Every structure is written in structure tokens, then in C-alpha cells.
Protein backbone atom coordinates (compact mmCIF):
# COMPACT_ATOMS: atom_id res chain seq x y z
CA UNK A 1 0.03 -0.01 -0.01
CA UNK A 2 2.44 2.69 1.14
CA UNK A 3 6.24 2.55 0.78
CA UNK A 4 9.17 4.83 1.31
CA UNK A 5 10.46 7.58 -0.97
CA UNK A 6 13.32 5.34 -1.83
CA UNK A 7 10.77 2.74 -3.08
CA UNK A 8 9.20 5.40 -5.20
CA UNK A 9 12.58 6.35 -6.75
CA UNK A 10 13.31 2.78 -7.78
CA UNK A 11 9.73 2.11 -8.96
CA UNK A 12 10.10 4.93 -11.49
CA UNK A 13 12.94 3.03 -13.17
CA UNK A 14 11.05 -0.27 -13.54
CA UNK A 15 9.41 -1.43 -16.72
CA UNK A 16 6.73 -4.06 -17.15
CA UNK A 17 9.20 -6.69 -18.33
CA UNK A 18 11.52 -6.51 -15.31
CA UNK A 19 9.31 -8.17 -12.76
CA UNK A 20 5.79 -9.49 -12.17
CA UNK A 21 3.59 -9.73 -9.04
CA UNK A 22 -0.01 -10.62 -8.40
CA UNK A 23 -1.89 -7.50 -7.49
CA UNK A 24 -4.80 -9.31 -5.80
CA UNK A 25 -4.31 -11.67 -2.86
CA UNK A 26 -8.06 -12.47 -2.70
CA UNK A 27 -8.22 -16.09 -3.88
CA UNK A 28 -11.58 -17.73 -3.35
CA UNK A 29 -11.81 -21.46 -2.57
CA UNK A 30 -13.38 -23.35 -5.51
CA UNK A 31 -14.96 -25.91 -3.13
CA UNK A 32 -18.41 -25.85 -1.59
CA UNK A 33 -17.17 -25.84 2.01
CA UNK A 34 -19.12 -22.82 3.16
CA UNK A 35 -15.93 -20.68 3.50
CA UNK A 36 -14.80 -17.96 1.17
CA UNK A 37 -11.04 -18.20 0.75
CA UNK A 38 -10.22 -20.78 3.44
CA UNK A 39 -9.98 -24.40 2.38
CA UNK A 40 -12.18 -26.79 4.38
CA UNK A 41 -10.63 -29.96 5.80
CA UNK A 42 -13.45 -32.33 4.99
CA UNK A 43 -13.65 -34.04 1.60
CA UNK A 44 -16.83 -33.45 -0.40
CA UNK A 45 -19.49 -35.99 -1.38
CA UNK A 46 -18.49 -38.15 -4.29
CA UNK A 47 -19.86 -36.89 -7.55
CA UNK A 48 -20.46 -33.30 -6.34
CA UNK A 49 -20.00 -30.72 -9.09
CA UNK A 50 -19.96 -26.95 -8.44
CA UNK A 51 -19.44 -23.60 -10.15
CA UNK A 52 -18.70 -20.18 -8.45
CA UNK A 53 -18.73 -16.65 -9.77
CA UNK A 54 -17.62 -14.28 -7.07
CA UNK A 55 -16.68 -10.64 -7.74
CA UNK A 56 -14.54 -8.44 -5.51
CA UNK A 57 -13.71 -4.76 -5.60
CA UNK A 58 -10.53 -3.60 -4.02
CA UNK A 59 -9.40 -0.02 -3.33
CA UNK A 60 -5.75 0.96 -3.66
CA UNK A 61 -4.12 -2.48 -3.55
CA UNK A 62 -0.82 -1.03 -4.71
CA UNK A 63 0.04 2.59 -3.80
CA UNK A 64 3.55 3.98 -3.62
CA UNK A 65 4.03 7.13 -1.56
CA UNK A 66 7.03 9.36 -1.11
CA UNK A 67 8.41 12.82 -1.62
CA UNK A 68 6.61 13.30 -4.87
CA UNK A 69 3.23 12.18 -3.52
CA UNK A 70 1.23 9.12 -4.16
CA UNK A 71 1.66 6.90 -7.18
CA UNK A 72 -1.45 4.65 -7.38
CA UNK A 73 -0.16 1.78 -9.45
CA UNK A 74 -3.64 0.20 -9.11
CA UNK A 75 -6.16 2.65 -7.69
CA UNK A 76 -9.30 0.57 -8.09
CA UNK A 77 -9.95 -2.93 -9.34
CA UNK A 78 -13.06 -4.99 -9.98
CA UNK A 79 -12.29 -8.63 -10.50
CA UNK A 80 -14.08 -11.96 -10.33
CA UNK A 81 -13.04 -15.52 -9.66
CA UNK A 82 -14.71 -18.07 -11.93
CA UNK A 83 -14.25 -21.49 -10.36
CA UNK A 84 -15.36 -25.05 -11.00
CA UNK A 85 -14.79 -28.18 -8.92
CA UNK A 86 -15.63 -31.89 -8.98
CA UNK A 87 -15.32 -34.45 -6.19
CA UNK A 88 -13.85 -37.52 -7.86
CA UNK A 89 -14.09 -39.63 -4.70
CA UNK A 90 -14.76 -38.75 -1.07
CA UNK A 91 -11.10 -38.23 -0.33
CA UNK A 92 -10.09 -36.30 -3.56
CA UNK A 93 -11.52 -33.08 -4.90
CA UNK A 94 -10.20 -31.09 -7.82
CA UNK A 95 -10.80 -27.39 -8.43
CA UNK A 96 -9.86 -24.90 -11.12
CA UNK A 97 -10.14 -21.09 -10.74
CA UNK A 98 -9.46 -18.22 -13.13
CA UNK A 99 -9.41 -14.59 -11.95
CA UNK A 100 -10.93 -12.23 -14.50
CA UNK A 101 -10.26 -8.50 -14.13
CA UNK A 102 -13.40 -6.75 -15.23
CA UNK A 103 -12.07 -3.16 -14.75
CA UNK A 104 -9.14 -1.37 -13.15
CA UNK A 105 -7.58 2.03 -13.24
CA UNK A 106 -4.40 3.63 -11.87
CA UNK A 107 -1.11 5.24 -12.71
CA UNK A 108 0.80 2.06 -13.50
CA UNK A 109 4.37 1.53 -12.30
CA UNK A 110 5.55 4.77 -13.94
CA UNK A 111 4.53 7.36 -16.51
CA UNK A 112 5.48 5.07 -19.44
CA UNK A 113 3.51 2.08 -18.12
CA UNK A 114 0.07 1.48 -19.54
CA UNK A 115 -2.03 -0.23 -16.94
CA UNK A 116 -4.38 -2.81 -18.52
CA UNK A 117 -8.08 -1.89 -18.17
CA UNK A 118 -9.13 -5.49 -18.06
CA UNK A 119 -7.58 -8.97 -18.36
CA UNK A 120 -7.05 -12.19 -16.42
CA UNK A 121 -4.97 -13.19 -13.45
CA UNK A 122 -3.01 -16.40 -12.82
CA UNK A 123 -4.96 -19.65 -13.45
CA UNK A 124 -5.11 -21.90 -10.34
CA UNK A 125 -5.26 -25.65 -10.12
CA UNK A 126 -6.31 -26.83 -6.71
CA UNK A 127 -6.21 -30.58 -5.88
CA UNK A 128 -7.26 -31.53 -2.30
CA UNK A 129 -6.55 -34.86 -0.65
CA UNK A 130 -8.37 -35.81 2.60
CA UNK A 131 -6.04 -37.60 5.03
CA UNK A 132 -8.56 -38.57 7.70
CA UNK A 133 -11.98 -37.70 9.20
CA UNK A 134 -12.90 -38.94 12.69
CA UNK A 135 -15.92 -38.85 14.98
CA UNK A 136 -18.52 -38.00 12.39
CA UNK A 137 -16.49 -35.02 10.95
CA UNK A 138 -15.66 -33.66 14.38
CA UNK A 139 -11.99 -33.54 13.34
CA UNK A 140 -10.54 -33.89 9.88
CA UNK A 141 -7.41 -33.04 7.93
CA UNK A 142 -6.57 -32.46 4.30
CA UNK A 143 -3.61 -31.51 2.10
CA UNK A 144 -3.95 -29.02 -0.65
CA UNK A 145 -1.35 -28.72 -3.48
CA UNK A 146 -2.25 -25.54 -5.23
CA UNK A 147 -0.39 -24.61 -8.43
CA UNK A 148 -0.69 -21.34 -10.43
CA UNK A 149 0.19 -20.73 -14.08
CA UNK A 150 1.55 -17.29 -15.09
CA UNK A 151 -1.41 -16.26 -17.33
CA UNK A 152 -1.76 -12.74 -15.81
CA UNK A 153 1.78 -11.64 -16.63
CA UNK A 154 1.01 -12.00 -20.31
CA UNK A 155 -1.27 -8.94 -19.97
CA UNK A 156 0.42 -6.83 -17.27
CA UNK A 157 3.12 -7.21 -14.65
CA UNK A 158 0.72 -6.41 -11.81
CA UNK A 159 -1.79 -9.10 -12.70
CA UNK A 160 0.23 -12.23 -11.95
CA UNK A 161 3.48 -13.92 -11.16
CA UNK A 162 6.34 -14.21 -13.63
CA UNK A 163 6.43 -18.00 -13.41
CA UNK A 164 4.56 -21.06 -12.07
CA UNK A 165 4.09 -20.94 -8.29
CA UNK A 166 3.35 -23.72 -5.78
CA UNK A 167 1.39 -23.26 -2.58
CA UNK A 168 0.99 -26.48 -0.46
CA UNK A 169 -1.35 -26.08 2.50
CA UNK A 170 -2.51 -28.21 5.43
CA UNK A 171 -6.15 -27.82 6.42
CA UNK A 172 -7.39 -28.88 9.84
CA UNK A 173 -10.98 -28.41 10.85
CA UNK A 174 -14.32 -29.50 12.27
CA UNK A 175 -17.90 -29.65 11.04
CA UNK A 176 -20.92 -29.71 13.41
CA UNK A 177 -24.58 -29.05 12.98
CA UNK A 178 -24.29 -25.34 13.81
CA UNK A 179 -20.61 -24.35 13.39
CA UNK A 180 -17.83 -25.16 10.96
CA UNK A 181 -14.21 -24.07 11.49
CA UNK A 182 -10.94 -24.53 9.60
CA UNK A 183 -7.32 -23.61 9.98
CA UNK A 184 -5.01 -23.41 6.89
CA UNK A 185 -1.20 -23.42 7.27
CA UNK A 186 0.53 -22.72 3.96
CA UNK A 187 3.90 -22.14 2.30
CA UNK A 188 3.94 -20.17 -0.98
CA UNK A 189 6.83 -20.76 -3.33
CA UNK A 190 7.31 -17.52 -5.22
CA UNK A 191 9.86 -16.12 -7.70
CA UNK A 192 12.73 -14.43 -5.88
CA UNK A 193 12.98 -10.87 -7.13
CA UNK A 194 14.42 -7.70 -5.66
CA UNK A 195 11.97 -4.79 -5.60
CA UNK A 196 13.33 -1.45 -4.45
CA UNK A 197 14.08 -1.61 -0.69
CA UNK A 198 12.33 -4.93 -0.31
CA UNK A 199 12.60 -8.41 -1.80
CA UNK A 200 9.83 -10.68 -2.89
CA UNK A 201 10.54 -14.16 -1.59
CA UNK A 202 8.67 -17.30 -0.52
CA UNK A 203 5.87 -16.76 2.03
CA UNK A 204 4.32 -18.64 4.88
CA UNK A 205 1.17 -17.88 6.69
CA UNK A 206 -2.18 -19.02 7.98
CA UNK A 207 -5.86 -18.52 7.40
CA UNK A 208 -8.69 -19.03 9.88
CA UNK A 209 -12.32 -19.54 8.85
CA UNK A 210 -15.51 -19.76 10.93
CA UNK A 211 -18.89 -20.53 9.48
CA UNK A 212 -22.01 -20.30 11.66
CA UNK A 213 -25.23 -21.85 10.43
CA UNK A 214 -27.50 -19.13 11.80
CA UNK A 215 -30.66 -20.42 10.11
CA UNK A 216 -30.45 -24.03 9.05
CA UNK A 217 -30.44 -24.42 5.25
CA UNK A 218 -31.14 -20.69 4.82
CA UNK A 219 -28.42 -18.40 6.26
CA UNK A 220 -24.72 -18.78 7.20
CA UNK A 221 -22.51 -16.11 8.78
CA UNK A 222 -18.85 -16.33 7.72
CA UNK A 223 -15.72 -14.75 9.23
CA UNK A 224 -12.09 -15.12 8.09
CA UNK A 225 -8.62 -14.01 9.14
CA UNK A 226 -5.56 -14.10 6.85
CA UNK A 227 -1.93 -13.28 7.47
CA UNK A 228 1.37 -13.99 5.68
CA UNK A 229 5.01 -12.92 5.83
CA UNK A 230 8.29 -13.41 4.01
CA UNK A 231 10.34 -16.51 4.81
CA UNK A 232 13.60 -14.63 4.46
CA UNK A 233 12.78 -11.78 6.77
CA UNK A 234 9.64 -12.66 8.83
CA UNK A 235 7.56 -9.71 9.93
CA UNK A 236 10.21 -7.29 8.62
CA UNK A 237 9.29 -7.17 4.96
CA UNK A 238 6.98 -4.28 4.13
CA UNK A 239 6.29 -5.61 0.69
CA UNK A 240 4.88 -8.90 2.00
CA UNK A 241 3.79 -8.61 5.66
CA UNK A 242 0.04 -8.48 5.57
CA UNK A 243 -3.19 -9.04 7.60
CA UNK A 244 -6.75 -9.13 6.28
CA UNK A 245 -9.89 -9.70 8.28
CA UNK A 246 -13.50 -9.77 7.25
CA UNK A 247 -16.61 -11.78 6.65
CA UNK A 248 -20.10 -11.79 5.27
CA UNK A 249 -23.35 -13.67 4.68
CA UNK A 250 -24.36 -16.71 2.62
CA UNK A 251 -28.00 -17.05 1.64
CA UNK A 252 -29.03 -20.54 0.54
CA UNK A 253 -31.86 -21.38 -1.82
CA UNK A 254 -33.73 -24.63 -2.56
CA UNK A 255 -32.17 -24.60 -6.08
CA UNK A 256 -28.65 -25.18 -4.61
CA UNK A 257 -27.67 -21.67 -5.53
CA UNK A 258 -26.05 -19.63 -2.74
CA UNK A 259 -25.90 -15.84 -2.75
CA UNK A 260 -22.77 -14.47 -1.10
CA UNK A 261 -21.76 -10.93 0.06
CA UNK A 262 -19.38 -9.36 2.50
CA UNK A 263 -16.26 -7.13 3.04
CA UNK A 264 -12.66 -7.24 4.21
CA UNK A 265 -10.21 -4.73 5.65
CA UNK A 266 -6.50 -4.79 4.97
CA UNK A 267 -3.71 -3.94 7.47
CA UNK A 268 -0.04 -3.44 6.71
CA UNK A 269 1.89 -2.09 3.77
CA UNK A 270 2.06 -5.21 1.64
CA UNK A 271 1.54 -5.24 -2.06
CA UNK A 272 -1.92 -6.43 -3.06
CA UNK A 273 -3.42 -5.74 0.37
CA UNK A 274 -6.04 -2.96 -0.20
CA UNK A 275 -7.50 -0.55 2.39
CA UNK A 276 -10.80 -2.45 1.97
CA UNK A 277 -12.44 -4.84 -0.38
CA UNK A 278 -16.10 -5.74 -1.04
CA UNK A 279 -17.21 -9.07 -2.48
CA UNK A 280 -20.48 -10.59 -3.83
CA UNK A 281 -21.35 -13.57 -6.00
CA UNK A 282 -23.19 -16.79 -6.51
CA UNK A 283 -22.31 -20.44 -5.92
CA UNK A 284 -23.99 -23.53 -7.34
CA UNK A 285 -23.49 -27.23 -6.83
CA UNK A 286 -25.26 -30.49 -7.32
CA UNK A 287 -24.39 -34.24 -7.25
CA UNK A 288 -24.27 -35.59 -10.72
CA UNK A 289 -24.23 -39.19 -9.61
CA UNK A 290 -27.28 -41.22 -8.52
CA UNK A 291 -27.90 -41.55 -4.78
CA UNK A 292 -25.55 -43.94 -2.98
CA UNK A 293 -28.27 -46.49 -2.32
CA UNK A 294 -29.12 -46.51 -6.01
CA UNK A 295 -25.44 -46.84 -6.96
CA UNK A 296 -25.07 -49.81 -4.65
CA UNK A 297 -28.20 -51.46 -6.05
CA UNK A 298 -26.82 -50.97 -9.58
CA UNK A 299 -23.54 -52.58 -8.65
CA UNK A 300 -25.30 -55.54 -6.99
CA UNK A 301 -27.53 -56.00 -10.09
CA UNK A 302 -24.51 -55.99 -12.35
CA UNK A 303 -22.75 -58.61 -10.17
CA UNK A 304 -25.85 -60.81 -10.32
CA UNK A 305 -26.11 -60.43 -14.06
CA UNK A 306 -22.44 -61.30 -14.47
CA UNK A 307 -22.94 -64.46 -12.41
CA UNK A 308 -25.94 -65.42 -14.49
CA UNK A 309 -23.99 -65.03 -17.74
CA UNK A 310 -21.00 -67.02 -16.45
CA UNK A 311 -23.09 -70.01 -15.18
CA UNK A 312 -24.01 -71.52 -18.61
CA UNK A 313 -20.35 -71.16 -19.69
CA UNK A 314 -19.20 -73.16 -16.72
CA UNK A 315 -21.80 -75.89 -17.40
CA UNK A 316 -20.68 -76.11 -21.05
CA UNK A 317 -17.07 -76.64 -19.98
CA UNK A 318 -17.91 -79.59 -17.65
CA UNK A 319 -16.73 -82.92 -19.15
CA UNK A 320 -19.44 -85.52 -19.85
CA UNK A 321 -19.42 -88.37 -17.37
CA UNK A 322 -18.74 -91.80 -18.91
CA UNK A 323 -21.50 -94.38 -18.35
CA UNK A 324 -20.54 -97.22 -16.03
CA UNK A 325 -20.11 -100.54 -17.70
CA UNK A 326 -22.39 -103.31 -16.42
CA UNK A 327 -20.45 -106.21 -14.82
CA UNK A 328 -20.03 -109.23 -16.97
CA UNK A 329 -22.21 -112.24 -16.13
CA UNK A 330 -20.22 -115.33 -15.14
CA UNK A 331 -20.38 -118.32 -17.61
CA UNK A 332 -21.27 -121.81 -16.35
CA UNK A 333 -17.68 -122.85 -16.78
CA UNK A 334 -16.52 -119.90 -14.58
CA UNK A 335 -19.04 -120.92 -12.02
């Protein structure tokens, strides 16, 4: 958000090809966990398919200040995450998310930099593996191995990383009738690149999510806390040290479409942490497989049909039994 005058001096000498950073840290979870950006720890129902469209507006995510005043690299940005997921089996879910920048304005890195008015961010691939779930979902754990592709950099250096990144995370949580909670511990492998008085390096951090089912099957209240820092200089790197806190509401409908809205506030001087952000969107999911009882009945019927088909073949292969010869009658001489 705000950096030193020395930072401003160096920023004026940079061009779009020298570096690349992601100007938006708001990455929604593609999974139907009830959280917004936090990954739940419980695997989803086998065959569940879902699509999300969640927009977020962030104000001044990258602002450089110094002796010459403020340089609003990105002053305002309206973006959306378009995500899709599928639960292959109970213990493995796969999600894909593409950030789309609908509109942004600002000064760019310097007077010669033309900030893109729209574009895309970095494409994310999010596999999740459930390790265990005990006591009817009272405690569960999953591993998430998120990978991003540098698609945003192709449009502008403030829309994405300069190379592929890897962000493994451990999700621990609980699900009850009225409250869900999850803790994410993550490590983000990023390109090492000097940037004025700071240096972008690998990050580690945590996310906390709380989801209260205020009105069963109708209204959820969500709250989240995010923080991250540089691995090289923990809590001493202005470019990366960040805290965001916020939450919102999720309205559920009988058509399996959820309507989501809320807001976050940013704290710290890190790049891509705005003064505030507002989000809203919709989420849809449904199970594309038949009910479990029906699937089991189909499997049983197929097994029975297979046995019926194999029975005649076995009978055909059985050798014919030779008729027993009648004992010879003794002749008078033999008697």
C-alpha cells in the first residue's frame, strides 16, 4: 500500500518486463465448503460438481508514496473468480479457478507504463486430498497442493506472477450441525525478485475460517482472518507482511444456488493488500451421480447379471461323465 520515498525512486525506473507480481491476494476457494477463501478440511460428497462466480472490488491495492506524492499503481480494481470443482471420490476433490479483471484504473508503475483496463490473473489448479476424518466429521485433515500458471503476466506485470508458483497447505478443521471451523497453514513458493528496498521471496502464513449456520439451510454467517509474511525476513518485509480480516453472509436457496456478500479490511503495507475490499457472488452445486443407495443397487444387479452370464459357460465346460459298464455275467464254466 504505502512505501518509502526510496521505493518510489526505484519504482520509477522499472518497466513491465523486469518483474511480475499478483496485485490481488483475494483467492476464493473453488470448493463448496461454506468458507470464502479458506479451504475446508473435509472431503466433499463423491460426484459433487460446483461452479462459483464471485466478484470483488479492492481499493488501492498497490500505492507507492514518497516525496513526490502518491503513485497509485492500481487505484481501483473490479475482479471476479470463476471456479469449478468436482469431487472424484470422497477423499479427492479437484478445483480450477481463473481470476478475471473486469475493470481497473491507476497510474501504472511509472509514466510510461500503460495499466491494462481488463484482463485475467493467474490460473489456479487446486487438488485436495483428505487424510482422515474422525468422529462424524468432528476432526478432519486434508492436504492442498495448489499450483498457479503465469497467465496474468501476459497482460500486465501487476496481474500475476512471472512464473509457475506452488502453494501447499494443510487444512485442519471441524464440522458440526451449527458451526464449521478450519485452519489453513501454507507455504507459498514464489519467484525471488528484488523490488526497491524490499525483496519478494517465499511466504508462509495461515488462514482461519469460521462458518455459523445461523438459520439451518437458509443463512450462514462467515468470518475469516488471513496473514502471511516473508520466509527470508519474517515480519520485517513491508512488501509482503500483511493481515486481512472480514466476513459476510451466505444465503441458501432450494435450487442449490447460494448468494454471497461481505467485506474485508487490509492492514499493513504489503503489495496487493487494499484498504478495503467488497465481494459478492453466487455459488451453485449438485451431485451428478445417482444416490448412494441406487449406486449400490446398480452394482449388486450388475454382479448378479455377471454371475448369471457365467453360469451357462461353466456348465458347457464340464466334461461328460462316462457311463459305467455293467459287470459281465459269469459263464457256467467260470461258476
